[in-house]
Every structure is written in C-alpha cells, then in structure tokens.
Amino acid sequence: MAEAVTSIQPPASEEQAVHRRLMRFGEAESLATPMWVERNTTCQAIAGHLASLWDIPSGLDDGGDPLVTEKGLPHARASVLNLIVTVQDEAAADRVVHALIGLGVHHPSRAIVLVPQQGAAGAQIDARISTHCNETDGGGDRVCYEEVVLTVRGEAAEHLSGIVTPLLIHDLPTHIWWPGDPPFDDPVFDQLVEMGDRLIVDSSDFNDLLTGFRRTASLRRRSGVGDLSWERLAWWQELTAQFFDAPRFRRYLPNLSRLRIRYAVAPRATTRHDEDADVAPGTPAPMAQSLLYAGWIATRLGWRRHRTLKPLADGAFDLRLEGRHEMVDLHLEPTVTDDVPPGDLLSVRLSSLGETGAAEFIIDRDEDDAMVATNADGMTALLRRVPMETPRESDLLSAQLTVDAADPVYEMSLRAAAILLASSREAAA
C-alpha cells in the first residue's frame, strides 16, 4: 500500500529542485518589498495580501494608480497584462525565471506561476509573492509589478482556473504561457486556455511535432496562439522578403523552383535525439522552425503538396510541391553543429528560373553572422554580412505579448507545416 501511495506522488527532491530555481525571483535586484511566503493558504488570503501591497490614493477614481512603497518612496504599479505560466519541471522553472526577470520594464505584468502537483499530498496551496520595481528608460521613474508563485497539490491542482481567476487584475488581457510540451488532452490545460485571451507555446518543445502542430492549429478558434519558434523566424523572413523588394528580382518570385533549408542539430555526444527523434514521440522537435519557414513560403506563394521524393530519414526529406507556374522541390536537411542552438536555421537557398536565366537567393548563417547574396543571370550581387544573434527567450516572449489577436499568417503557415511533415512521415511509414 505504501508503494502505491508513493507511486502517484512526485518525488520530494524534484519538487524541492523546482522551488529552489523559482526562489531566484527573490534574488533579483529589482525586488522591492519583502517576500511573502505562506504554506497551506487560501485564494482569499493571497488576494488580500496582493491588495495590501498597494496604497490606493484618494484620487484613484480620477485616474490615480495604485502605489507600492519601496525604500520609503511610493512607486506606481504599471501592470499591462496578466501572465499565467505553468511550471512542470526544473527546466521549465529555469526558463520562467530568466524570461520573467528579462521582461523587466517593457512588459510589467501580474505574473502568476503555477506549479501543479496533482498526485501530491499535504497542504493544497503554498504561495510566494514578490514585488519588483524597474527604472523606466530615461531614469527617474520606476514601475512596479508582482510575481505570484503557487504550488497547488492534490485535487486543487485539477481546478487551476478557479484558483487563478480571483487573483487576476480585471480589465487587463490575460496571456497563458506554457513552457514545455503542452498536455493537449489534460482538462486543466483546456481550463487555462479557455480563460486566457492568448496562448503562447514553443513548438520546438513539442514531443510529437506533427500532433503538436495539428492540436495547436485546432486551438485557434478558442484563443489566439503565439509561438516562440515562429518569433525566432522573424529575421529570416525579413531577409527573405528584402530579396524581392528590388523590382529586378521580383520577376523571379513566381518561378521559384527549389527551396533548400538546413537546420542545426546538436552533436550526437550531447543530443537526446535518435535517428528520427526530431519527429518521434517523446523527444523535442528541432525541425519546428524549418517546417514553419517552409510553410510560410508555401502559403505566401500558393504552393501545394504534390508527392514525396525522399521520405523522412535522419531528419531530412524531399518533397515536390506544385507551384502556380513551376514544380518546386523542397529539401530539409539537418547539420550537426554546436555553434548555434539546435533547431535554428543555418541556411536558406531559393532557386528560380526566370525569363532571362537562373537565379539563386542565399542566406547562410555562421554563428552570430549571416551572409546574404544573390546569384542572378550569372552575376553575384547583394553580397553582405548581417548580424544574426540568437534572441533571448525573454525577447521572444516580449514580442508575443504585444500581439492581442490571432495571427492568420502564422496559422496558415502552421497548417502548411503540418501537411509537409505529414507527407514525409506517411511516405516513410
């Protein structure tokens, strides 16, 4: 019987490790007031403490803002949104701490970090609240916001939306950030998605990339969806579009006939991936960015699936697509490197046959720089180098928090990426 009870509870050491990492919120230099820690507490007590942190000026009804006293000086709370984050392991805890501290003054929010422990016994809700203040650009003024960390155990962990709702700041948008692989079939996940205005995921975290793409696409009717992997592609999309800003190159666009994409994978000695681990269930998905990029190009130019030339093997495949004017060969290929994070794009080459000859449009990344060039009509032009540093997760999250509605371009690219991956996997099967 003791063995059965132990089997449904998360290891105590794992829970403690998560908490040690989350405690770094309290080590941030921006900490403004003493941290409030309470075990076996209630939603009413948590909401009451959040209210007590702020002095409500007498002119609040006339536009005044709640104030927090830091080192004897009052500062305004400047929350612009509610951010709900779910942490399920140590890795997610690390990511959340780095990202939320990095958001700083640009996106002050009431961040509610949930640590659900559905199989655990003991106190149902443990809470920790910290208040942070950051200087605005230009110095002088400071804005303040809260971080609320809730460990929710047992039956209470099955009703997270009911626990979170009383703690939200009304009349502000609510974003749900789910670091890691979302549990699409978990009712708790559905509860949080339904209560939020926008869900933010990272498709590179999906254990089964095809299922993740499809399930994420199905959420679009209930909630706007943001994807950090999509945000990582912004620079690649901008460089690609710049090729065809020039009228003399625009004529090649309808006749593109080949797209070759290389993406980074970690060396075998340090990677967790097996031969087909980039799409196999139970492993992360380094193909996410390359597929989203291919889906973006395909939807912008009206390419449609035609047939599989080379099925998925070792993270590579070849498809033939039907363009409006030409048949298009799509080739995805992994490249082992430790110079850039796994999954990041390394190279994009677009080839075209125009009326006056062939052309190739090239973006090749080398660590934190990229070479951009065109070879058209036998001449090399636009040969230049541009910086291309890997953005921090807090920067990616910040960019997604500025979006208040669904992104139709992302949604179409996501569906196209799922079709491309399904085509390669069905042929392999």
Foldseek 3Di string as FASTA:
>chain_A
DVVVLVVLFDDPVFVVLLVVLLCCVVVDPQFFDDKDKDFLDALVVVLVVVVVQWDQDPCVVVPDATWGAGPNDTAGADAQAEEEEEDEGNVSSNQVSVQVVVLAPLHAHAYEYEHETASHDDRAKIKMKTKGWDADPPGDHIHMHMYMYIYGYHPVSLVVLVSCVSNHDPPHAYEYEYEAADPLPRVSSVSVLQVHQEYEYALQRHLANLVSLVSQLVSQVRHAYHYLLVLLCPVVVVLVVVQCVDPVRVQQLQFWAEKEWEFEDEPPVPDPADQQSLRHGPHGHLQVNVLLVVLLSCVVQVKAFDAWPAADTSRWGWGWIDTPVYIHIYIYYYDYDPLDDRSGIAKIKIWGAGPQGIKIWIWGDDRQKIWTWMQPNNDIDPTDIDGHHRDRPSVSVSVVVVDRHHDVSSSSSSVSSSVVNVRRVVVVD
